[in-house]
Every structure is written in C-alpha cells, then in structure tokens.
C-alpha atoms as a PDB file:
ATOM      1  CA  MET A   1       0.527   0.258   0.075  1.00  0.00           C
ATOM      2  CA  LYS A   2       1.135   3.266  -0.754  1.00  0.00           C
ATOM      3  CA  THR A   3      -0.206   6.118   1.338  1.00  0.00           C
ATOM      4  CA  LEU A   4      -0.146   9.872  -0.681  1.00  0.00           C
ATOM      5  CA  PHE A   5       0.310  12.938   2.098  1.00  0.00           C
ATOM      6  CA  SER A   6      -1.539  16.608   1.080  1.00  0.00           C
ATOM      7  CA  SER A   7      -2.035  19.173   3.282  1.00  0.00           C
ATOM      8  CA  VAL A   8      -3.503  22.611   2.557  1.00  0.00           C
ATOM      9  CA  ALA A   9      -2.795  25.859   4.816  1.00  0.00           C
ATOM     10  CA  THR A  10      -5.532  28.359   5.330  1.00  0.00           C
ATOM     11  CA  THR A  11      -5.458  31.779   7.725  1.00  0.00           C
ATOM     12  CA  ALA A  12      -7.012  29.988  10.280  1.00  0.00           C
ATOM     13  CA  THR A  13      -6.069  26.249  10.048  1.00  0.00           C
ATOM     14  CA  THR A  14      -4.233  23.251   8.299  1.00  0.00           C
ATOM     15  CA  VAL A  15      -6.316  20.766   6.817  1.00  0.00           C
ATOM     16  CA  THR A  16      -4.538  17.448   6.347  1.00  0.00           C
ATOM     17  CA  THR A  17      -5.811  14.601   3.514  1.00  0.00           C
ATOM     18  CA  THR A  18      -4.924  11.100   3.083  1.00  0.00           C
ATOM     19  CA  THR A  19      -5.485   8.851   0.303  1.00  0.00           C
ATOM     20  CA  THR A  20      -4.797   5.257   0.403  1.00  0.00           C
ATOM     21  CA  THR A  21      -4.108   3.516  -3.711  1.00  0.00           C
ATOM     22  CA  ARG A  22      -3.173   0.167  -3.665  1.00  0.00           C
ATOM     23  CA  SER A  23      -0.897  -1.345  -5.715  1.00  0.00           C
ATOM     24  CA  MET A  24      -1.731  -2.817  -8.955  1.00  0.00           C
ATOM     25  CA  ILE A  25      -0.690  -7.095  -8.955  1.00  0.00           C
ATOM     26  CA  GLN A  26       0.020  -9.521 -11.584  1.00  0.00           C
ATOM     27  CA  LEU A  27      -3.280 -10.761 -12.828  1.00  0.00           C
ATOM     28  CA  ALA A  28      -2.108 -13.752 -14.928  1.00  0.00           C
ATOM     29  CA  GLN A  29       0.101 -16.242 -13.320  1.00  0.00           C
ATOM     30  CA  PRO A  30       2.654 -18.986 -14.042  1.00  0.00           C
ATOM     31  CA  GLY A  31       0.641 -21.730 -14.250  1.00  0.00           C
ATOM     32  CA  ASP A  32      -2.765 -20.612 -15.140  1.00  0.00           C
ATOM     33  CA  PRO A  33      -4.474 -22.013 -18.161  1.00  0.00           C
ATOM     34  CA  ILE A  34      -3.396 -20.217 -21.498  1.00  0.00           C
ATOM     35  CA  PHE A  35      -4.294 -20.752 -24.794  1.00  0.00           C
ATOM     36  CA  GLY A  36      -2.748 -19.762 -28.371  1.00  0.00           C
ATOM     37  CA  ILE A  37      -4.484 -18.990 -31.196  1.00  0.00           C
ATOM     38  CA  CYS A  38      -4.358 -17.163 -34.554  1.00  0.00           C
ATOM     39  CA  ASN A  39      -6.478 -15.382 -37.535  1.00  0.00           C
ATOM     40  CA  THR A  40      -8.622 -14.057 -34.969  1.00  0.00           C
ATOM     41  CA  THR A  41      -9.895 -11.118 -34.211  1.00  0.00           C
ATOM     42  CA  ALA A  42     -11.431  -8.514 -31.457  1.00  0.00           C
ATOM     43  CA  GLY A  43     -14.961  -9.934 -31.572  1.00  0.00           C
ATOM     44  CA  GLY A  44     -14.872 -12.832 -33.719  1.00  0.00           C
ATOM     45  CA  ASP A  45     -14.663 -16.969 -32.968  1.00  0.00           C
ATOM     46  CA  SER A  46     -11.052 -17.996 -32.284  1.00  0.00           C
ATOM     47  CA  THR A  47      -9.037 -20.110 -33.937  1.00  0.00           C
ATOM     48  CA  PRO A  48      -6.897 -22.350 -32.312  1.00  0.00           C
ATOM     49  CA  SER A  49      -2.933 -22.731 -32.595  1.00  0.00           C
ATOM     50  CA  VAL A  50      -0.968 -26.190 -32.562  1.00  0.00           C
ATOM     51  CA  ILE A  51       2.603 -27.500 -31.692  1.00  0.00           C
ATOM     52  CA  SER A  52       3.234 -28.759 -35.268  1.00  0.00           C
ATOM     53  CA  GLY A  53       6.735 -26.388 -36.439  1.00  0.00           C
ATOM     54  CA  THR A  54       6.909 -23.530 -38.633  1.00  0.00           C
ATOM     55  CA  ASN A  55       3.288 -23.679 -40.510  1.00  0.00           C
ATOM     56  CA  PRO A  56       0.523 -21.381 -40.809  1.00  0.00           C
ATOM     57  CA  CYS A  57      -0.984 -21.373 -36.877  1.00  0.00           C
ATOM     58  CA  ASN A  58       1.826 -22.813 -34.949  1.00  0.00           C
ATOM     59  CA  PHE A  59       4.301 -22.244 -32.808  1.00  0.00           C
ATOM     60  CA  TYR A  60       7.908 -23.811 -31.868  1.00  0.00           C
ATOM     61  CA  THR A  61       7.488 -26.737 -29.093  1.00  0.00           C
ATOM     62  CA  GLY A  62       9.515 -24.488 -26.965  1.00  0.00           C
ATOM     63  CA  GLU A  63       8.079 -20.669 -27.893  1.00  0.00           C
ATOM     64  CA  ILE A  64       4.930 -21.941 -25.948  1.00  0.00           C
ATOM     65  CA  PRO A  65       1.890 -19.461 -24.964  1.00  0.00           C
ATOM     66  CA  SER A  66       2.676 -20.138 -21.243  1.00  0.00           C
ATOM     67  CA  ASN A  67       5.801 -18.429 -21.880  1.00  0.00           C
ATOM     68  CA  ALA A  68       4.352 -15.365 -22.176  1.00  0.00           C
ATOM     69  CA  ILE A  69       3.341 -15.644 -18.775  1.00  0.00           C
ATOM     70  CA  ASP A  70       5.991 -17.429 -17.049  1.00  0.00           C
ATOM     71  CA  ASN A  71       8.099 -14.359 -15.663  1.00  0.00           C
ATOM     72  CA  ASN A  72      10.957 -15.469 -17.194  1.00  0.00           C
ATOM     73  CA  TYR A  73      12.358 -12.584 -19.598  1.00  0.00           C
ATOM     74  CA  LEU A  74      14.593 -15.913 -21.009  1.00  0.00           C
ATOM     75  CA  THR A  75      11.705 -17.610 -22.811  1.00  0.00           C
ATOM     76  CA  LYS A  76       9.230 -16.209 -25.348  1.00  0.00           C
ATOM     77  CA  TYR A  77       6.158 -17.106 -27.015  1.00  0.00           C
ATOM     78  CA  THR A  78       6.254 -17.156 -31.113  1.00  0.00           C
ATOM     79  CA  ASN A  79       3.496 -17.719 -33.667  1.00  0.00           C
ATOM     80  CA  PHE A  80       3.506 -17.639 -37.189  1.00  0.00           C
ATOM     81  CA  GLY A  81       0.405 -16.506 -38.054  1.00  0.00           C
ATOM     82  CA  SER A  82      -0.952 -16.489 -41.526  1.00  0.00           C
ATOM     83  CA  GLY A  83       2.723 -17.825 -43.012  1.00  0.00           C
ATOM     84  CA  THR A  84       5.739 -20.033 -43.022  1.00  0.00           C
ATOM     85  CA  ILE A  85       8.848 -20.084 -41.277  1.00  0.00           C
ATOM     86  CA  SER A  86      10.139 -19.180 -45.238  1.00  0.00           C
ATOM     87  CA  THR A  87       7.854 -16.385 -45.710  1.00  0.00           C
ATOM     88  CA  SER A  88       7.435 -12.992 -44.618  1.00  0.00           C
ATOM     89  CA  SER A  89       5.383  -9.978 -43.749  1.00  0.00           C
ATOM     90  CA  PRO A  90       4.469  -6.710 -41.831  1.00  0.00           C
ATOM     91  CA  THR A  91       1.801  -8.220 -41.391  1.00  0.00           C
ATOM     92  CA  GLN A  92       2.067 -12.628 -41.262  1.00  0.00           C
ATOM     93  CA  GLY A  93       1.990 -12.627 -36.991  1.00  0.00           C
ATOM     94  CA  CYS A  94      -1.030  -9.752 -37.243  1.00  0.00           C
ATOM     95  CA  ASN A  95      -4.463 -11.494 -35.572  1.00  0.00           C
ATOM     96  CA  THR A  96      -2.578 -13.858 -33.203  1.00  0.00           C
ATOM     97  CA  GLY A  97      -2.407 -14.322 -29.748  1.00  0.00           C
ATOM     98  CA  PHE A  98      -3.934 -15.640 -26.163  1.00  0.00           C
ATOM     99  CA  TYR A  99      -6.815 -15.809 -23.969  1.00  0.00           C
ATOM    100  CA  THR A 100      -5.937 -16.701 -19.968  1.00  0.00           C
ATOM    101  CA  THR A 101      -7.786 -17.456 -17.229  1.00  0.00           C
ATOM    102  CA  PRO A 102      -6.253 -16.099 -13.944  1.00  0.00           C
ATOM    103  CA  SER A 103      -6.436 -18.568 -10.917  1.00  0.00           C
ATOM    104  CA  MET A 104      -7.080 -15.662  -8.559  1.00  0.00           C
ATOM    105  CA  GLY A 105     -10.236 -15.424 -10.057  1.00  0.00           C
ATOM    106  CA  PRO A 106     -12.615 -12.528 -11.258  1.00  0.00           C
ATOM    107  CA  SER A 107     -10.391  -9.161 -11.521  1.00  0.00           C
ATOM    108  CA  VAL A 108     -10.487  -5.667 -13.308  1.00  0.00           C
ATOM    109  CA  LEU A 109      -7.618  -5.190 -15.810  1.00  0.00           C
ATOM    110  CA  LYS A 110      -5.981  -1.591 -15.761  1.00  0.00           C
ATOM    111  CA  ALA A 111      -2.948  -1.771 -17.118  1.00  0.00           C
ATOM    112  CA  PHE A 112      -0.369  -4.080 -19.080  1.00  0.00           C
ATOM    113  CA  VAL A 113       3.158  -4.258 -20.342  1.00  0.00           C
ATOM    114  CA  PHE A 114       5.232  -6.341 -22.248  1.00  0.00           C
ATOM    115  CA  ILE A 115       8.406  -7.191 -22.935  1.00  0.00           C
ATOM    116  CA  THR A 116      10.452  -8.345 -25.851  1.00  0.00           C
ATOM    117  CA  GLY A 117      12.009 -11.330 -27.146  1.00  0.00           C
ATOM    118  CA  ASN A 118      15.768 -12.506 -27.503  1.00  0.00           C
ATOM    119  CA  ASP A 119      15.847 -11.468 -31.221  1.00  0.00           C
ATOM    120  CA  ASN A 120      14.845  -9.777 -34.370  1.00  0.00           C
ATOM    121  CA  PRO A 121      12.899  -6.627 -33.733  1.00  0.00           C
ATOM    122  CA  ASN A 122      10.533  -6.665 -36.231  1.00  0.00           C
ATOM    123  CA  ARG A 123       8.783  -9.971 -34.658  1.00  0.00           C
ATOM    124  CA  ASP A 124       8.003  -7.348 -32.121  1.00  0.00           C
ATOM    125  CA  PRO A 125       4.101  -6.372 -31.518  1.00  0.00           C
ATOM    126  CA  THR A 126       3.170  -2.630 -31.667  1.00  0.00           C
ATOM    127  CA  ALA A 127      -0.684  -2.739 -31.174  1.00  0.00           C
ATOM    128  CA  ILE A 128      -2.703  -5.223 -29.988  1.00  0.00           C
ATOM    129  CA  THR A 129      -6.563  -5.952 -28.783  1.00  0.00           C
ATOM    130  CA  ILE A 130      -7.558  -7.040 -25.091  1.00  0.00           C
ATOM    131  CA  GLU A 131     -10.732  -8.064 -24.379  1.00  0.00           C
ATOM    132  CA  GLY A 132     -12.692  -9.578 -21.072  1.00  0.00           C
ATOM    133  CA  SER A 133     -14.817 -12.474 -20.578  1.00  0.00           C
ATOM    134  CA  ASN A 134     -16.934 -13.878 -17.977  1.00  0.00           C
ATOM    135  CA  SER A 135     -18.133 -16.835 -19.582  1.00  0.00           C
ATOM    136  CA  THR A 136     -17.025 -20.552 -18.478  1.00  0.00           C
ATOM    137  CA  THR A 137     -17.449 -22.630 -21.416  1.00  0.00           C
ATOM    138  CA  SER A 138     -17.431 -20.647 -24.340  1.00  0.00           C
ATOM    139  CA  LEU A 139     -14.115 -18.907 -24.962  1.00  0.00           C
ATOM    140  CA  THR A 140     -13.095 -20.110 -28.352  1.00  0.00           C
ATOM    141  CA  ILE A 141     -17.115 -17.915 -29.465  1.00  0.00           C
ATOM    142  CA  GLY A 142     -16.478 -14.098 -30.193  1.00  0.00           C
ATOM    143  CA  THR A 143     -19.504 -13.312 -28.733  1.00  0.00           C
ATOM    144  CA  SER A 144     -18.033 -14.028 -25.452  1.00  0.00           C
ATOM    145  CA  TRP A 145     -15.726 -11.215 -25.315  1.00  0.00           C
ATOM    146  CA  THR A 146     -15.856  -7.818 -24.614  1.00  0.00           C
ATOM    147  CA  LEU A 147     -13.812  -5.314 -25.554  1.00  0.00           C
ATOM    148  CA  ILE A 148     -11.147  -3.365 -22.909  1.00  0.00           C
ATOM    149  CA  TYR A 149      -8.437  -1.685 -24.683  1.00  0.00           C
ATOM    150  CA  SER A 150      -7.412  -1.426 -28.155  1.00  0.00           C
ATOM    151  CA  GLY A 151      -4.473   0.371 -29.469  1.00  0.00           C
ATOM    152  CA  LEU A 152      -0.912   0.473 -29.308  1.00  0.00           C
ATOM    153  CA  CYS A 153       1.148  -1.885 -26.423  1.00  0.00           C
ATOM    154  CA  GLY A 154       4.191   0.428 -25.417  1.00  0.00           C
ATOM    155  CA  LEU A 155       6.726  -0.852 -27.989  1.00  0.00           C
ATOM    156  CA  SER A 156       6.221   2.021 -30.560  1.00  0.00           C
ATOM    157  CA  SER A 157      10.157   2.155 -29.970  1.00  0.00           C
ATOM    158  CA  ASP A 158      12.889  -0.718 -29.465  1.00  0.00           C
ATOM    159  CA  PRO A 159      13.631  -1.068 -26.014  1.00  0.00           C
ATOM    160  CA  GLY A 160      15.997  -3.678 -27.148  1.00  0.00           C
ATOM    161  CA  ARG A 161      16.118  -7.412 -26.690  1.00  0.00           C
ATOM    162  CA  ARG A 162      14.579  -9.240 -23.392  1.00  0.00           C
ATOM    163  CA  MET A 163      13.251  -5.643 -22.601  1.00  0.00           C
ATOM    164  CA  SER A 164      10.372  -4.171 -20.898  1.00  0.00           C
ATOM    165  CA  GLY A 165       8.182  -1.872 -23.339  1.00  0.00           C
ATOM    166  CA  VAL A 166       6.350   1.215 -21.768  1.00  0.00           C
ATOM    167  CA  GLN A 167       3.826   0.044 -19.262  1.00  0.00           C
ATOM    168  CA  GLN A 168       0.188   0.976 -20.563  1.00  0.00           C
ATOM    169  CA  ARG A 169      -2.618   1.936 -18.788  1.00  0.00           C
ATOM    170  CA  PHE A 170      -6.423   2.863 -18.696  1.00  0.00           C
ATOM    171  CA  THR A 171      -8.633   3.803 -15.804  1.00  0.00           C
ATOM    172  CA  SER A 172     -12.338   2.942 -18.779  1.00  0.00           C
ATOM    173  CA  ASN A 173     -12.461  -0.957 -16.943  1.00  0.00           C
ATOM    174  CA  THR A 174     -14.115  -0.598 -14.171  1.00  0.00           C
ATOM    175  CA  VAL A 175     -15.028  -4.292 -14.614  1.00  0.00           C
ATOM    176  CA  ALA A 176     -14.434  -7.665 -13.261  1.00  0.00           C
ATOM    177  CA  TYR A 177     -14.063 -10.407 -15.535  1.00  0.00           C
ATOM    178  CA  LEU A 178     -12.301 -14.209 -15.483  1.00  0.00           C
ATOM    179  CA  SER A 179     -10.773 -14.316 -18.278  1.00  0.00           C
ATOM    180  CA  TYR A 180      -8.397 -12.390 -21.196  1.00  0.00           C
ATOM    181  CA  ARG A 181      -7.868 -12.575 -24.790  1.00  0.00           C
ATOM    182  CA  LEU A 182      -4.749 -10.695 -26.101  1.00  0.00           C
ATOM    183  CA  LEU A 183      -4.704 -10.544 -30.035  1.00  0.00           C
ATOM    184  CA  ILE A 184      -1.805  -8.795 -32.364  1.00  0.00           C
ATOM    185  CA  THR A 185      -3.202  -6.466 -34.636  1.00  0.00           C
ATOM    186  CA  THR A 186      -0.129  -4.949 -35.653  1.00  0.00           C
ATOM    187  CA  GLN A 187       4.100  -5.807 -35.749  1.00  0.00           C
ATOM    188  CA  ARG A 188       6.764  -3.684 -35.980  1.00  0.00           C
ATOM    189  CA  GLY A 189       7.910  -4.738 -39.584  1.00  0.00           C
ATOM    190  CA  SER A 190       7.966  -7.819 -42.445  1.00  0.00           C
ATOM    191  CA  GLU A 191       9.115 -10.960 -40.407  1.00  0.00           C
ATOM    192  CA  CYS A 192       7.558 -14.462 -40.612  1.00  0.00           C
ATOM    193  CA  SER A 193       6.199 -14.444 -37.232  1.00  0.00           C
ATOM    194  CA  VAL A 194       5.603 -12.016 -34.276  1.00  0.00           C
ATOM    195  CA  GLN A 195       7.462 -12.850 -30.701  1.00  0.00           C
ATOM    196  CA  TYR A 196       7.115 -11.742 -27.114  1.00  0.00           C
ATOM    197  CA  SER A 197       8.981 -13.162 -24.533  1.00  0.00           C
ATOM    198  CA  GLU A 198       5.977 -11.568 -21.420  1.00  0.00           C
ATOM    199  CA  ALA A 199       2.560 -10.098 -21.990  1.00  0.00           C
ATOM    200  CA  ILE A 200       2.312  -8.844 -17.997  1.00  0.00           C
ATOM    201  CA  PHE A 201      -1.576  -7.717 -17.267  1.00  0.00           C
ATOM    202  CA  LEU A 202      -2.050  -6.153 -14.180  1.00  0.00           C
ATOM    203  CA  GLY A 203      -5.085  -4.708 -12.123  1.00  0.00           C
END
C-alpha cells in the first residue's frame, strides 16, 4: 500500500488529507490456463494455434503460449500466424495471441506491459486488443468477449532485446472479468512471426 499526504494551509487552520492507493498486482500467473490462437480478431471466434513447427497457426515446441506469462524473460512465445518460417510480411504475425483464465478469479484489468523477445525486433508487437469474458464454457466464441482496450502496446520504440516496453494504463475498465484475450494487431516490420517474452496483465 502507498499512502499519499497533502496539506492545505489557510489563515485559520491547516487541513491534512490522506489518500490510500493500492499497488497493482499481476493477474495472470505461471501455471494459469492459456491457449494460443491465430487468424482471430476482436469480437470474432478464436482459431486455435497448435504445436506443429513452422506452418501457419503454429508455434515452436519450446516457444509456447505459456511462456508469455511464466515470469521468465529468457523464454518467449512465437506464433507464425498466416504464414510459415520461410515467408515474411509486415502482417504475418498479426491476429495471433492467446486467451487465459487467471486462477485468482475475477479481476479488473488496469494496465499491461510487454517484454520483448531475444532477437528479431521486427517480430515485436506494436498494437493489440484486449478483451474480457465472464463465460465459463464458450471462450472460443467471439460473442463471449467484450473489448477492453485497442491501441498501442508500449513497444512503438524498440527498447532492446529482452527489455520492458512502456507500461500502458487505462481507467475506462471497471468491470471484473474471469478471462482475458489478447490479440496482436500490428507488428514492427516484415518477419515470419510475432514473438514476445512476456505479456503482463496488471490490476
């Protein structure tokens, strides 16, 4: 907890006010259920990604969705999106991401921050959407999700490899959700995939 103090002086008296603010906590934790997706847009049905290597909608065996919430910047999540390892475009990794259900239960998302992967800056995400859901059975169905955020993800300027981007905060969301869905909408440049070490949800 952080306590902020302010004093207002008048000719008659001094009024002191105290405001208590709660530090934000990490919502999605290592071990929470998480599922990779591709060819998916906000409000649309999810298409699952699979561990099969380097084809469309694939991710490497060692670069799986759970790496995005494992609190380990030495790992990363890579998704080949609409192409393969031998093709590249400025949008190949777009419309990929994941959905996760934090074990802590309902939570109010207030901020997020990305940590970049170990190589290839053009694979960095630069804009995203985040949606929330309170469904317990239909998380692959687009109508189960409500848009919380659409915009830049704090990596407009390359911070370097395995480095934190700028934390993005928003106050518009006051609804507690059981699950969150993150989708990449733009990437830094032409590459065969999108990758990131961590996508940290805060609330």
